[in-house]
Every structure is written in structure tokens, then in C-alpha cells.
Amino acid sequence: MEEKIFYNVEDVMTMLMISKSHAYKIIRELNQDLKAQGYMTITGKVSCQYFDEKFYGLQTA
């Protein structure tokens, strides 16, 4: 099975134990940060690498 590239709202809800509306808000905020850095984003999904870095301080190669 392939490794995920993006988390969807259900993934964020589960990992952070938050409501769907709050998960969408977090995804929007993270995607705004990425857009400001010049990256393309997908509505309703967030880069796993960026999410992990922002929430857990993980640095992936």
C-alpha cells in the first residue's frame, strides 16, 4: 500500500480528536500558509509532511 501524501478532514479529526468544522479550519489555515510560500494546495486536504511538521515537530527527509 502506498504512503499517504495528503491528510483529509477525517484524518485530521481522528488525529487531533476535534470536530469536523475545526478540522476544516485547521486545514484551511495550513493551506493558506503553504500558498503564501508559493505551494499549490488541494481544498479539503493538507500535506502530511507539513501537517506533521507543524503539529508534531517532525522533520521528514
Protein backbone atom coordinates (compact mmCIF):
# COMPACT_ATOMS: atom_id res chain seq x y z
CA MET A 1 0.00 0.00 0.00
CA GLU A 2 1.25 3.47 -0.88
CA GLU A 3 2.16 6.01 1.76
CA LYS A 4 -0.28 8.91 2.07
CA ILE A 5 0.76 12.28 0.69
CA PHE A 6 -2.28 14.20 1.96
CA TYR A 7 -4.48 14.03 5.04
CA ASN A 8 -8.19 14.64 4.60
CA VAL A 9 -10.61 16.08 7.14
CA GLU A 10 -11.38 12.65 8.63
CA ASP A 11 -7.67 12.03 9.24
CA VAL A 12 -7.23 15.40 10.97
CA MET A 13 -10.38 14.87 13.06
CA THR A 14 -9.11 11.50 14.27
CA MET A 15 -5.53 12.55 14.99
CA LEU A 16 -6.48 15.71 16.90
CA MET A 17 -9.79 14.46 18.32
CA ILE A 18 -11.65 17.55 17.12
CA SER A 19 -14.88 18.33 15.29
CA LYS A 20 -15.20 18.31 11.52
CA SER A 21 -15.61 22.09 11.36
CA HIS A 22 -12.48 22.65 13.45
CA ALA A 23 -10.53 20.19 11.29
CA TYR A 24 -11.57 22.08 8.14
CA LYS A 25 -10.48 25.35 9.77
CA ILE A 26 -7.03 23.91 10.55
CA ILE A 27 -6.68 22.55 7.01
CA ARG A 28 -7.62 25.96 5.58
CA GLU A 29 -5.07 27.72 7.79
CA LEU A 30 -2.27 25.30 6.91
CA ASN A 31 -3.09 25.57 3.21
CA GLN A 32 -3.03 29.39 3.45
CA ASP A 33 0.48 29.13 4.93
CA LEU A 34 1.54 26.84 2.10
CA LYS A 35 0.04 29.13 -0.57
CA ALA A 36 1.90 32.10 0.95
CA GLN A 37 5.10 30.08 0.48
CA GLY A 38 4.25 29.52 -3.18
CA TYR A 39 2.96 25.94 -2.97
CA MET A 40 -0.11 24.55 -4.68
CA THR A 41 -2.80 23.15 -2.37
CA ILE A 42 -5.89 20.96 -2.62
CA THR A 43 -9.06 22.15 -0.93
CA GLY A 44 -10.05 19.89 1.97
CA LYS A 45 -6.66 18.17 2.13
CA VAL A 46 -3.31 19.09 3.63
CA SER A 47 0.20 17.82 3.01
CA CYS A 48 1.04 15.08 5.52
CA GLN A 49 4.62 16.32 5.74
CA TYR A 50 3.57 19.93 6.50
CA PHE A 51 0.88 18.87 8.98
CA ASP A 52 3.29 16.59 10.86
CA GLU A 53 5.93 19.32 10.96
CA LYS A 54 3.50 21.92 12.30
CA PHE A 55 1.74 19.73 14.86
CA TYR A 56 4.34 17.26 15.93
CA GLY A 57 7.64 18.92 15.06
CA LEU A 58 8.57 16.03 12.80
CA GLN A 59 11.09 16.68 10.07
CA THR A 60 10.91 14.19 7.21
CA ALA A 61 13.58 13.87 4.54
